Amino acid sequence: MPSDTLAMWAGNVNSDTVVQYSGVTPDIISILSEVLSDLGNLLNLPTYVVNGYSSNDINMDGKTQYTGTEPDTPFVLQNVLVHPSNFLNFSTYQIQEQLPED
């Protein structure tokens, strides 16, 4: 990213100020919960697609999916693994929320 550009790490879907793929409070559980509890998911499949934008729709494509052809969960894992402070590439690494500085 250019030095004069600000961005956020995507994936804090459970609003706990941390982006985490696995560990004590992983964000992907919220995605799974939304998918499994959707009224249209009669078979409780993790590959079911929930249509519409929500906080669990990490890539903002209007669909939430836990696993399958276009899941949202890999975005959380990718952000955690490529974070500059996660030099050991732990999937349990926590990206702490911070406000941009002026």
PDB file of N, CA and C in Angstrom:
ATOM      1  N   MET A   1       0.833  -1.185   0.000  1.00  0.00           N
ATOM      2  CA  MET A   1       0.000   0.000   0.000  1.00  0.00           C
ATOM      3  C   MET A   1       0.878   1.250   0.000  1.00  0.00           C
ATOM      4  N   PRO A   2       0.422   2.281  -0.663  1.00  0.00           N
ATOM      5  CA  PRO A   2       1.165   3.546  -0.618  1.00  0.00           C
ATOM      6  C   PRO A   2       1.266   4.061   0.810  1.00  0.00           C
ATOM      7  N   SER A   3       2.316   4.774   1.104  1.00  0.00           N
ATOM      8  CA  SER A   3       2.563   5.246   2.470  1.00  0.00           C
ATOM      9  C   SER A   3       1.518   6.237   2.959  1.00  0.00           C
ATOM     10  N   ASP A   4       0.809   6.917   2.076  1.00  0.00           N
ATOM     11  CA  ASP A   4      -0.193   7.890   2.510  1.00  0.00           C
ATOM     12  C   ASP A   4      -1.611   7.318   2.496  1.00  0.00           C
ATOM     13  N   THR A   5      -1.744   5.992   2.466  1.00  0.00           N
ATOM     14  CA  THR A   5      -3.043   5.330   2.411  1.00  0.00           C
ATOM     15  C   THR A   5      -3.289   4.559   3.698  1.00  0.00           C
ATOM     16  N   LEU A   6      -4.521   4.647   4.217  1.00  0.00           N
ATOM     17  CA  LEU A   6      -4.913   3.907   5.407  1.00  0.00           C
ATOM     18  C   LEU A   6      -5.850   2.775   5.015  1.00  0.00           C
ATOM     19  N   ALA A   7      -5.769   1.658   5.726  1.00  0.00           N
ATOM     20  CA  ALA A   7      -6.643   0.516   5.472  1.00  0.00           C
ATOM     21  C   ALA A   7      -6.868  -0.240   6.777  1.00  0.00           C
ATOM     22  N   MET A   8      -7.831  -1.131   6.749  1.00  0.00           N
ATOM     23  CA  MET A   8      -8.121  -1.950   7.925  1.00  0.00           C
ATOM     24  C   MET A   8      -7.863  -3.411   7.589  1.00  0.00           C
ATOM     25  N   TRP A   9      -7.523  -4.189   8.611  1.00  0.00           N
ATOM     26  CA  TRP A   9      -7.385  -5.627   8.455  1.00  0.00           C
ATOM     27  C   TRP A   9      -8.789  -6.223   8.530  1.00  0.00           C
ATOM     28  N   ALA A  10      -9.237  -6.871   7.484  1.00  0.00           N
ATOM     29  CA  ALA A  10     -10.576  -7.453   7.453  1.00  0.00           C
ATOM     30  C   ALA A  10     -10.636  -8.711   8.297  1.00  0.00           C
ATOM     31  N   GLY A  11     -11.797  -8.954   8.907  1.00  0.00           N
ATOM     32  CA  GLY A  11     -12.002 -10.213   9.598  1.00  0.00           C
ATOM     33  C   GLY A  11     -12.503 -10.139  11.020  1.00  0.00           C
ATOM     34  N   ASN A  12     -12.612  -8.954  11.600  1.00  0.00           N
ATOM     35  CA  ASN A  12     -13.100  -8.859  12.971  1.00  0.00           C
ATOM     36  C   ASN A  12     -14.627  -8.915  12.953  1.00  0.00           C
ATOM     37  N   VAL A  13     -15.173 -10.093  12.668  1.00  0.00           N
ATOM     38  CA  VAL A  13     -16.619 -10.224  12.505  1.00  0.00           C
ATOM     39  C   VAL A  13     -17.365 -10.352  13.832  1.00  0.00           C
ATOM     40  N   ASN A  14     -16.688 -10.734  14.906  1.00  0.00           N
ATOM     41  CA  ASN A  14     -17.378 -10.856  16.194  1.00  0.00           C
ATOM     42  C   ASN A  14     -17.231  -9.603  17.054  1.00  0.00           C
ATOM     43  N   SER A  15     -16.654  -8.558  16.505  1.00  0.00           N
ATOM     44  CA  SER A  15     -16.559  -7.229  17.136  1.00  0.00           C
ATOM     45  C   SER A  15     -15.895  -7.231  18.508  1.00  0.00           C
ATOM     46  N   ASP A  16     -14.824  -8.005  18.637  1.00  0.00           N
ATOM     47  CA  ASP A  16     -14.110  -8.063  19.923  1.00  0.00           C
ATOM     48  C   ASP A  16     -12.782  -7.310  19.890  1.00  0.00           C
ATOM     49  N   THR A  17     -12.563  -6.480  18.901  1.00  0.00           N
ATOM     50  CA  THR A  17     -11.363  -5.670  18.679  1.00  0.00           C
ATOM     51  C   THR A  17     -10.140  -6.494  18.262  1.00  0.00           C
ATOM     52  N   VAL A  18     -10.342  -7.753  17.870  1.00  0.00           N
ATOM     53  CA  VAL A  18      -9.236  -8.628  17.470  1.00  0.00           C
ATOM     54  C   VAL A  18      -9.640  -9.411  16.222  1.00  0.00           C
ATOM     55  N   VAL A  19      -8.705  -9.550  15.276  1.00  0.00           N
ATOM     56  CA  VAL A  19      -8.891 -10.450  14.145  1.00  0.00           C
ATOM     57  C   VAL A  19      -8.108 -11.707  14.474  1.00  0.00           C
ATOM     58  N   GLN A  20      -8.796 -12.842  14.557  1.00  0.00           N
ATOM     59  CA  GLN A  20      -8.143 -14.107  14.915  1.00  0.00           C
ATOM     60  C   GLN A  20      -8.788 -15.248  14.140  1.00  0.00           C
ATOM     61  N   TYR A  21      -7.958 -16.076  13.493  1.00  0.00           N
ATOM     62  CA  TYR A  21      -8.471 -17.211  12.717  1.00  0.00           C
ATOM     63  C   TYR A  21      -8.765 -18.414  13.601  1.00  0.00           C
ATOM     64  N   SER A  22      -7.840 -18.744  14.487  1.00  0.00           N
ATOM     65  CA  SER A  22      -8.046 -19.880  15.400  1.00  0.00           C
ATOM     66  C   SER A  22      -7.525 -19.494  16.773  1.00  0.00           C
ATOM     67  N   GLY A  23      -7.934 -20.240  17.776  1.00  0.00           N
ATOM     68  CA  GLY A  23      -7.526 -19.929  19.139  1.00  0.00           C
ATOM     69  C   GLY A  23      -8.732 -19.796  20.051  1.00  0.00           C
ATOM     70  N   VAL A  24      -8.628 -18.941  21.046  1.00  0.00           N
ATOM     71  CA  VAL A  24      -9.665 -18.819  22.073  1.00  0.00           C
ATOM     72  C   VAL A  24     -10.949 -18.178  21.527  1.00  0.00           C
ATOM     73  N   THR A  25     -10.833 -17.095  20.797  1.00  0.00           N
ATOM     74  CA  THR A  25     -12.024 -16.402  20.271  1.00  0.00           C
ATOM     75  C   THR A  25     -11.894 -16.149  18.770  1.00  0.00           C
ATOM     76  N   PRO A  26     -11.894 -17.207  17.967  1.00  0.00           N
ATOM     77  CA  PRO A  26     -11.723 -17.019  16.524  1.00  0.00           C
ATOM     78  C   PRO A  26     -12.943 -16.361  15.886  1.00  0.00           C
ATOM     79  N   ASP A  27     -12.698 -15.563  14.880  1.00  0.00           N
ATOM     80  CA  ASP A  27     -13.776 -14.874  14.175  1.00  0.00           C
ATOM     81  C   ASP A  27     -14.563 -15.792  13.254  1.00  0.00           C
ATOM     82  N   ILE A  28     -13.951 -16.861  12.801  1.00  0.00           N
ATOM     83  CA  ILE A  28     -14.639 -17.720  11.834  1.00  0.00           C
ATOM     84  C   ILE A  28     -15.838 -18.449  12.434  1.00  0.00           C
ATOM     85  N   ILE A  29     -15.901 -18.570  13.751  1.00  0.00           N
ATOM     86  CA  ILE A  29     -17.057 -19.204  14.395  1.00  0.00           C
ATOM     87  C   ILE A  29     -18.322 -18.383  14.136  1.00  0.00           C
ATOM     88  N   SER A  30     -18.201 -17.071  14.081  1.00  0.00           N
ATOM     89  CA  SER A  30     -19.356 -16.217  13.790  1.00  0.00           C
ATOM     90  C   SER A  30     -19.878 -16.464  12.378  1.00  0.00           C
ATOM     91  N   ILE A  31     -18.954 -16.699  11.456  1.00  0.00           N
ATOM     92  CA  ILE A  31     -19.350 -16.998  10.079  1.00  0.00           C
ATOM     93  C   ILE A  31     -20.101 -18.318  10.038  1.00  0.00           C
ATOM     94  N   LEU A  32     -19.553 -19.338  10.687  1.00  0.00           N
ATOM     95  CA  LEU A  32     -20.207 -20.650  10.728  1.00  0.00           C
ATOM     96  C   LEU A  32     -21.583 -20.553  11.377  1.00  0.00           C
ATOM     97  N   SER A  33     -21.680 -19.815  12.452  1.00  0.00           N
ATOM     98  CA  SER A  33     -22.954 -19.662  13.155  1.00  0.00           C
ATOM     99  C   SER A  33     -24.017 -19.032  12.262  1.00  0.00           C
ATOM    100  N   GLU A  34     -23.636 -17.983  11.533  1.00  0.00           N
ATOM    101  CA  GLU A  34     -24.610 -17.348  10.632  1.00  0.00           C
ATOM    102  C   GLU A  34     -25.071 -18.306   9.549  1.00  0.00           C
ATOM    103  N   VAL A  35     -24.126 -19.054   8.973  1.00  0.00           N
ATOM    104  CA  VAL A  35     -24.464 -19.984   7.896  1.00  0.00           C
ATOM    105  C   VAL A  35     -25.372 -21.101   8.408  1.00  0.00           C
ATOM    106  N   LEU A  36     -25.023 -21.706   9.542  1.00  0.00           N
ATOM    107  CA  LEU A  36     -25.809 -22.833  10.058  1.00  0.00           C
ATOM    108  C   LEU A  36     -27.171 -22.409  10.593  1.00  0.00           C
ATOM    109  N   SER A  37     -27.291 -21.186  11.073  1.00  0.00           N
ATOM    110  CA  SER A  37     -28.565 -20.755  11.648  1.00  0.00           C
ATOM    111  C   SER A  37     -29.500 -20.087  10.643  1.00  0.00           C
ATOM    112  N   ASP A  38     -29.070 -19.924   9.397  1.00  0.00           N
ATOM    113  CA  ASP A  38     -29.945 -19.316   8.401  1.00  0.00           C
ATOM    114  C   ASP A  38     -31.157 -20.217   8.151  1.00  0.00           C
ATOM    115  N   LEU A  39     -32.326 -19.621   8.130  1.00  0.00           N
ATOM    116  CA  LEU A  39     -33.566 -20.392   7.976  1.00  0.00           C
ATOM    117  C   LEU A  39     -33.626 -21.179   6.676  1.00  0.00           C
ATOM    118  N   GLY A  40     -32.923 -20.731   5.656  1.00  0.00           N
ATOM    119  CA  GLY A  40     -32.917 -21.444   4.382  1.00  0.00           C
ATOM    120  C   GLY A  40     -31.985 -22.644   4.356  1.00  0.00           C
ATOM    121  N   ASN A  41     -31.112 -22.770   5.337  1.00  0.00           N
ATOM    122  CA  ASN A  41     -30.145 -23.863   5.383  1.00  0.00           C
ATOM    123  C   ASN A  41     -30.767 -25.066   6.101  1.00  0.00           C
ATOM    124  N   LEU A  42     -31.687 -25.721   5.423  1.00  0.00           N
ATOM    125  CA  LEU A  42     -32.455 -26.804   6.019  1.00  0.00           C
ATOM    126  C   LEU A  42     -31.607 -28.019   6.395  1.00  0.00           C
ATOM    127  N   LEU A  43     -30.500 -28.230   5.689  1.00  0.00           N
ATOM    128  CA  LEU A  43     -29.642 -29.393   5.960  1.00  0.00           C
ATOM    129  C   LEU A  43     -28.443 -29.052   6.840  1.00  0.00           C
ATOM    130  N   ASN A  44     -28.375 -27.810   7.319  1.00  0.00           N
ATOM    131  CA  ASN A  44     -27.262 -27.349   8.163  1.00  0.00           C
ATOM    132  C   ASN A  44     -25.900 -27.595   7.524  1.00  0.00           C
ATOM    133  N   LEU A  45     -25.780 -27.227   6.277  1.00  0.00           N
ATOM    134  CA  LEU A  45     -24.525 -27.412   5.549  1.00  0.00           C
ATOM    135  C   LEU A  45     -23.614 -26.203   5.723  1.00  0.00           C
ATOM    136  N   PRO A  46     -22.325 -26.418   6.016  1.00  0.00           N
ATOM    137  CA  PRO A  46     -21.389 -25.298   6.125  1.00  0.00           C
ATOM    138  C   PRO A  46     -21.080 -24.662   4.770  1.00  0.00           C
ATOM    139  N   THR A  47     -21.456 -25.343   3.690  1.00  0.00           N
ATOM    140  CA  THR A  47     -21.239 -24.815   2.343  1.00  0.00           C
ATOM    141  C   THR A  47     -22.396 -23.951   1.867  1.00  0.00           C
ATOM    142  N   TYR A  48     -23.440 -23.865   2.674  1.00  0.00           N
ATOM    143  CA  TYR A  48     -24.611 -23.059   2.319  1.00  0.00           C
ATOM    144  C   TYR A  48     -24.195 -21.592   2.181  1.00  0.00           C
ATOM    145  N   VAL A  49     -24.822 -20.892   1.246  1.00  0.00           N
ATOM    146  CA  VAL A  49     -24.522 -19.481   1.007  1.00  0.00           C
ATOM    147  C   VAL A  49     -25.669 -18.629   1.537  1.00  0.00           C
ATOM    148  N   VAL A  50     -25.351 -17.723   2.455  1.00  0.00           N
ATOM    149  CA  VAL A  50     -26.318 -16.750   2.956  1.00  0.00           C
ATOM    150  C   VAL A  50     -26.193 -15.504   2.086  1.00  0.00           C
ATOM    151  N   ASN A  51     -27.262 -15.153   1.405  1.00  0.00           N
ATOM    152  CA  ASN A  51     -27.232 -13.993   0.514  1.00  0.00           C
ATOM    153  C   ASN A  51     -27.541 -12.713   1.278  1.00  0.00           C
ATOM    154  N   GLY A  52     -26.843 -11.654   0.909  1.00  0.00           N
ATOM    155  CA  GLY A  52     -27.013 -10.357   1.538  1.00  0.00           C
ATOM    156  C   GLY A  52     -25.761  -9.954   2.293  1.00  0.00           C
ATOM    157  N   TYR A  53     -25.557  -8.683   2.412  1.00  0.00           N
ATOM    158  CA  TYR A  53     -24.388  -8.169   3.121  1.00  0.00           C
ATOM    159  C   TYR A  53     -24.596  -8.282   4.627  1.00  0.00           C
ATOM    160  N   SER A  54     -23.538  -8.666   5.338  1.00  0.00           N
ATOM    161  CA  SER A  54     -23.561  -8.733   6.802  1.00  0.00           C
ATOM    162  C   SER A  54     -22.133  -8.542   7.293  1.00  0.00           C
ATOM    163  N   SER A  55     -21.974  -8.458   8.589  1.00  0.00           N
ATOM    164  CA  SER A  55     -20.622  -8.301   9.147  1.00  0.00           C
ATOM    165  C   SER A  55     -19.773  -9.554   8.906  1.00  0.00           C
ATOM    166  N   ASN A  56     -20.401 -10.683   8.591  1.00  0.00           N
ATOM    167  CA  ASN A  56     -19.669 -11.921   8.308  1.00  0.00           C
ATOM    168  C   ASN A  56     -19.270 -12.052   6.841  1.00  0.00           C
ATOM    169  N   ASP A  57     -19.714 -11.148   6.009  1.00  0.00           N
ATOM    170  CA  ASP A  57     -19.375 -11.141   4.589  1.00  0.00           C
ATOM    171  C   ASP A  57     -18.062 -10.380   4.420  1.00  0.00           C
ATOM    172  N   ILE A  58     -16.967 -11.064   4.659  1.00  0.00           N
ATOM    173  CA  ILE A  58     -15.664 -10.406   4.743  1.00  0.00           C
ATOM    174  C   ILE A  58     -15.216  -9.802   3.419  1.00  0.00           C
ATOM    175  N   ASN A  59     -15.467 -10.471   2.312  1.00  0.00           N
ATOM    176  CA  ASN A  59     -15.015  -9.930   1.032  1.00  0.00           C
ATOM    177  C   ASN A  59     -16.068  -9.038   0.365  1.00  0.00           C
ATOM    178  N   MET A  60     -17.178  -8.782   1.070  1.00  0.00           N
ATOM    179  CA  MET A  60     -18.224  -7.861   0.617  1.00  0.00           C
ATOM    180  C   MET A  60     -18.746  -8.185  -0.781  1.00  0.00           C
ATOM    181  N   ASP A  61     -18.997  -9.476  -1.027  1.00  0.00           N
ATOM    182  CA  ASP A  61     -19.564  -9.882  -2.310  1.00  0.00           C
ATOM    183  C   ASP A  61     -21.065 -10.150  -2.210  1.00  0.00           C
ATOM    184  N   GLY A  62     -21.654  -9.869  -1.041  1.00  0.00           N
ATOM    185  CA  GLY A  62     -23.086 -10.085  -0.867  1.00  0.00           C
ATOM    186  C   GLY A  62     -23.445 -11.505  -0.514  1.00  0.00           C
ATOM    187  N   LYS A  63     -22.441 -12.327  -0.195  1.00  0.00           N
ATOM    188  CA  LYS A  63     -22.675 -13.724   0.165  1.00  0.00           C
ATOM    189  C   LYS A  63     -21.785 -14.084   1.350  1.00  0.00           C
ATOM    190  N   THR A  64     -22.326 -14.860   2.278  1.00  0.00           N
ATOM    191  CA  THR A  64     -21.530 -15.368   3.399  1.00  0.00           C
ATOM    192  C   THR A  64     -21.492 -16.881   3.299  1.00  0.00           C
ATOM    193  N   GLN A  65     -20.295 -17.447   3.284  1.00  0.00           N
ATOM    194  CA  GLN A  65     -20.122 -18.895   3.172  1.00  0.00           C
ATOM    195  C   GLN A  65     -18.945 -19.309   4.049  1.00  0.00           C
ATOM    196  N   TYR A  66     -19.140 -20.360   4.837  1.00  0.00           N
ATOM    197  CA  TYR A  66     -18.086 -20.846   5.732  1.00  0.00           C
ATOM    198  C   TYR A  66     -17.068 -21.692   4.966  1.00  0.00           C
ATOM    199  N   THR A  67     -17.525 -22.676   4.232  1.00  0.00           N
ATOM    200  CA  THR A  67     -16.669 -23.482   3.356  1.00  0.00           C
ATOM    201  C   THR A  67     -17.396 -23.642   2.024  1.00  0.00           C
ATOM    202  N   GLY A  68     -16.696 -24.075   1.023  1.00  0.00           N
ATOM    203  CA  GLY A  68     -17.320 -24.282  -0.284  1.00  0.00           C
ATOM    204  C   GLY A  68     -16.562 -23.581  -1.387  1.00  0.00           C
ATOM    205  N   THR A  69     -17.292 -23.120  -2.383  1.00  0.00           N
ATOM    206  CA  THR A  69     -16.660 -22.558  -3.574  1.00  0.00           C
ATOM    207  C   THR A  69     -16.124 -21.141  -3.381  1.00  0.00           C
ATOM    208  N   GLU A  70     -16.791 -20.329  -2.563  1.00  0.00           N
ATOM    209  CA  GLU A  70     -16.355 -18.952  -2.329  1.00  0.00           C
ATOM    210  C   GLU A  70     -16.473 -18.597  -0.850  1.00  0.00           C
ATOM    211  N   PRO A  71     -15.741 -19.294   0.021  1.00  0.00           N
ATOM    212  CA  PRO A  71     -15.880 -19.041   1.463  1.00  0.00           C
ATOM    213  C   PRO A  71     -15.227 -17.728   1.893  1.00  0.00           C
ATOM    214  N   ASP A  72     -15.723 -17.195   3.003  1.00  0.00           N
ATOM    215  CA  ASP A  72     -15.166 -15.966   3.569  1.00  0.00           C
ATOM    216  C   ASP A  72     -14.026 -16.250   4.546  1.00  0.00           C
ATOM    217  N   THR A  73     -13.960 -17.437   5.085  1.00  0.00           N
ATOM    218  CA  THR A  73     -12.965 -17.766   6.114  1.00  0.00           C
ATOM    219  C   THR A  73     -11.510 -17.641   5.667  1.00  0.00           C
ATOM    220  N   PRO A  74     -11.147 -17.957   4.417  1.00  0.00           N
ATOM    221  CA  PRO A  74      -9.739 -17.810   4.031  1.00  0.00           C
ATOM    222  C   PRO A  74      -9.213 -16.380   4.123  1.00  0.00           C
ATOM    223  N   PHE A  75     -10.102 -15.399   4.030  1.00  0.00           N
ATOM    224  CA  PHE A  75      -9.666 -14.008   4.136  1.00  0.00           C
ATOM    225  C   PHE A  75      -9.148 -13.699   5.535  1.00  0.00           C
ATOM    226  N   VAL A  76      -9.791 -14.296   6.539  1.00  0.00           N
ATOM    227  CA  VAL A  76      -9.325 -14.109   7.917  1.00  0.00           C
ATOM    228  C   VAL A  76      -7.960 -14.768   8.076  1.00  0.00           C
ATOM    229  N   LEU A  77      -7.830 -16.008   7.615  1.00  0.00           N
ATOM    230  CA  LEU A  77      -6.555 -16.727   7.728  1.00  0.00           C
ATOM    231  C   LEU A  77      -5.440 -15.982   7.000  1.00  0.00           C
ATOM    232  N   GLN A  78      -5.707 -15.536   5.793  1.00  0.00           N
ATOM    233  CA  GLN A  78      -4.684 -14.834   5.020  1.00  0.00           C
ATOM    234  C   GLN A  78      -4.224 -13.574   5.738  1.00  0.00           C
ATOM    235  N   ASN A  79      -5.154 -12.791   6.257  1.00  0.00           N
ATOM    236  CA  ASN A  79      -4.774 -11.557   6.948  1.00  0.00           C
ATOM    237  C   ASN A  79      -3.949 -11.839   8.185  1.00  0.00           C
ATOM    238  N   VAL A  80      -4.319 -12.874   8.928  1.00  0.00           N
ATOM    239  CA  VAL A  80      -3.563 -13.228  10.134  1.00  0.00           C
ATOM    240  C   VAL A  80      -2.152 -13.697   9.761  1.00  0.00           C
ATOM    241  N   LEU A  81      -2.040 -14.550   8.752  1.00  0.00           N
ATOM    242  CA  LEU A  81      -0.733 -15.101   8.390  1.00  0.00           C
ATOM    243  C   LEU A  81       0.207 -14.073   7.771  1.00  0.00           C
ATOM    244  N   VAL A  82      -0.317 -13.090   7.048  1.00  0.00           N
ATOM    245  CA  VAL A  82       0.563 -12.121   6.382  1.00  0.00           C
ATOM    246  C   VAL A  82       0.808 -10.866   7.210  1.00  0.00           C
ATOM    247  N   HIS A  83       0.213 -10.796   8.394  1.00  0.00           N
ATOM    248  CA  HIS A  83       0.428  -9.608   9.220  1.00  0.00           C
ATOM    249  C   HIS A  83       1.916  -9.459   9.523  1.00  0.00           C
ATOM    250  N   PRO A  84       2.477  -8.265   9.371  1.00  0.00           N
ATOM    251  CA  PRO A  84       3.917  -8.070   9.563  1.00  0.00           C
ATOM    252  C   PRO A  84       4.443  -8.475  10.943  1.00  0.00           C
ATOM    253  N   SER A  85       3.617  -8.401  11.962  1.00  0.00           N
ATOM    254  CA  SER A  85       4.073  -8.768  13.311  1.00  0.00           C
ATOM    255  C   SER A  85       3.975 -10.263  13.585  1.00  0.00           C
ATOM    256  N   ASN A  86       3.325 -11.014  12.709  1.00  0.00           N
ATOM    257  CA  ASN A  86       3.180 -12.460  12.879  1.00  0.00           C
ATOM    258  C   ASN A  86       4.314 -13.183  12.152  1.00  0.00           C
ATOM    259  N   PHE A  87       5.531 -12.943  12.598  1.00  0.00           N
ATOM    260  CA  PHE A  87       6.699 -13.479  11.892  1.00  0.00           C
ATOM    261  C   PHE A  87       6.832 -14.996  12.009  1.00  0.00           C
ATOM    262  N   LEU A  88       6.114 -15.637  12.930  1.00  0.00           N
ATOM    263  CA  LEU A  88       6.139 -17.104  13.044  1.00  0.00           C
ATOM    264  C   LEU A  88       4.966 -17.763  12.322  1.00  0.00           C
ATOM    265  N   ASN A  89       4.121 -16.965  11.675  1.00  0.00           N
ATOM    266  CA  ASN A  89       2.977 -17.455  10.898  1.00  0.00           C
ATOM    267  C   ASN A  89       2.017 -18.336  11.701  1.00  0.00           C
ATOM    268  N   PHE A  90       1.720 -17.931  12.926  1.00  0.00           N
ATOM    269  CA  PHE A  90       0.756 -18.655  13.745  1.00  0.00           C
ATOM    270  C   PHE A  90      -0.662 -18.308  13.303  1.00  0.00           C
ATOM    271  N   SER A  91      -1.516 -19.322  13.144  1.00  0.00           N
ATOM    272  CA  SER A  91      -2.923 -19.061  12.822  1.00  0.00           C
ATOM    273  C   SER A  91      -3.669 -18.527  14.040  1.00  0.00           C
ATOM    274  N   THR A  92      -3.079 -18.654  15.216  1.00  0.00           N
ATOM    275  CA  THR A  92      -3.678 -18.142  16.451  1.00  0.00           C
ATOM    276  C   THR A  92      -3.278 -16.693  16.739  1.00  0.00           C
ATOM    277  N   TYR A  93      -2.452 -16.118  15.888  1.00  0.00           N
ATOM    278  CA  TYR A  93      -2.016 -14.736  16.084  1.00  0.00           C
ATOM    279  C   TYR A  93      -3.228 -13.812  16.113  1.00  0.00           C
ATOM    280  N   GLN A  94      -3.191 -12.818  16.970  1.00  0.00           N
ATOM    281  CA  GLN A  94      -4.282 -11.854  17.092  1.00  0.00           C
ATOM    282  C   GLN A  94      -3.852 -10.496  16.552  1.00  0.00           C
ATOM    283  N   ILE A  95      -4.591 -10.013  15.570  1.00  0.00           N
ATOM    284  CA  ILE A  95      -4.371  -8.655  15.073  1.00  0.00           C
ATOM    285  C   ILE A  95      -5.211  -7.739  15.946  1.00  0.00           C
ATOM    286  N   GLN A  96      -4.540  -6.887  16.701  1.00  0.00           N
ATOM    287  CA  GLN A  96      -5.235  -5.978  17.615  1.00  0.00           C
ATOM    288  C   GLN A  96      -5.770  -4.767  16.856  1.00  0.00           C
ATOM    289  N   GLU A  97      -7.007  -4.408  17.170  1.00  0.00           N
ATOM    290  CA  GLU A  97      -7.610  -3.229  16.563  1.00  0.00           C
ATOM    291  C   GLU A  97      -6.867  -1.973  17.033  1.00  0.00           C
ATOM    292  N   GLN A  98      -6.658  -1.062  16.122  1.00  0.00           N
ATOM    293  CA  GLN A  98      -6.043   0.209  16.482  1.00  0.00           C
ATOM    294  C   GLN A  98      -6.607   1.291  15.578  1.00  0.00           C
ATOM    295  N   LEU A  99      -6.680   2.473  16.114  1.00  0.00           N
ATOM    296  CA  LEU A  99      -7.166   3.602  15.333  1.00  0.00           C
ATOM    297  C   LEU A  99      -6.013   4.221  14.562  1.00  0.00           C
ATOM    298  N   PRO A 100      -6.291   4.710  13.341  1.00  0.00           N
ATOM    299  CA  PRO A 100      -5.222   5.367  12.578  1.00  0.00           C
ATOM    300  C   PRO A 100      -4.712   6.614  13.292  1.00  0.00           C
ATOM    301  N   GLU A 101      -3.439   6.861  13.137  1.00  0.00           N
ATOM    302  CA  GLU A 101      -2.837   8.058  13.714  1.00  0.00           C
ATOM    303  C   GLU A 101      -2.784   9.145  12.657  1.00  0.00           C
ATOM    304  N   ASP A 102      -2.922  10.388  13.080  1.00  0.00           N
ATOM    305  CA  ASP A 102      -2.850  11.502  12.124  1.00  0.00           C
ATOM    306  C   ASP A 102      -1.429  11.753  11.685  1.00  0.00           C
TER     307      ASP A 102
END
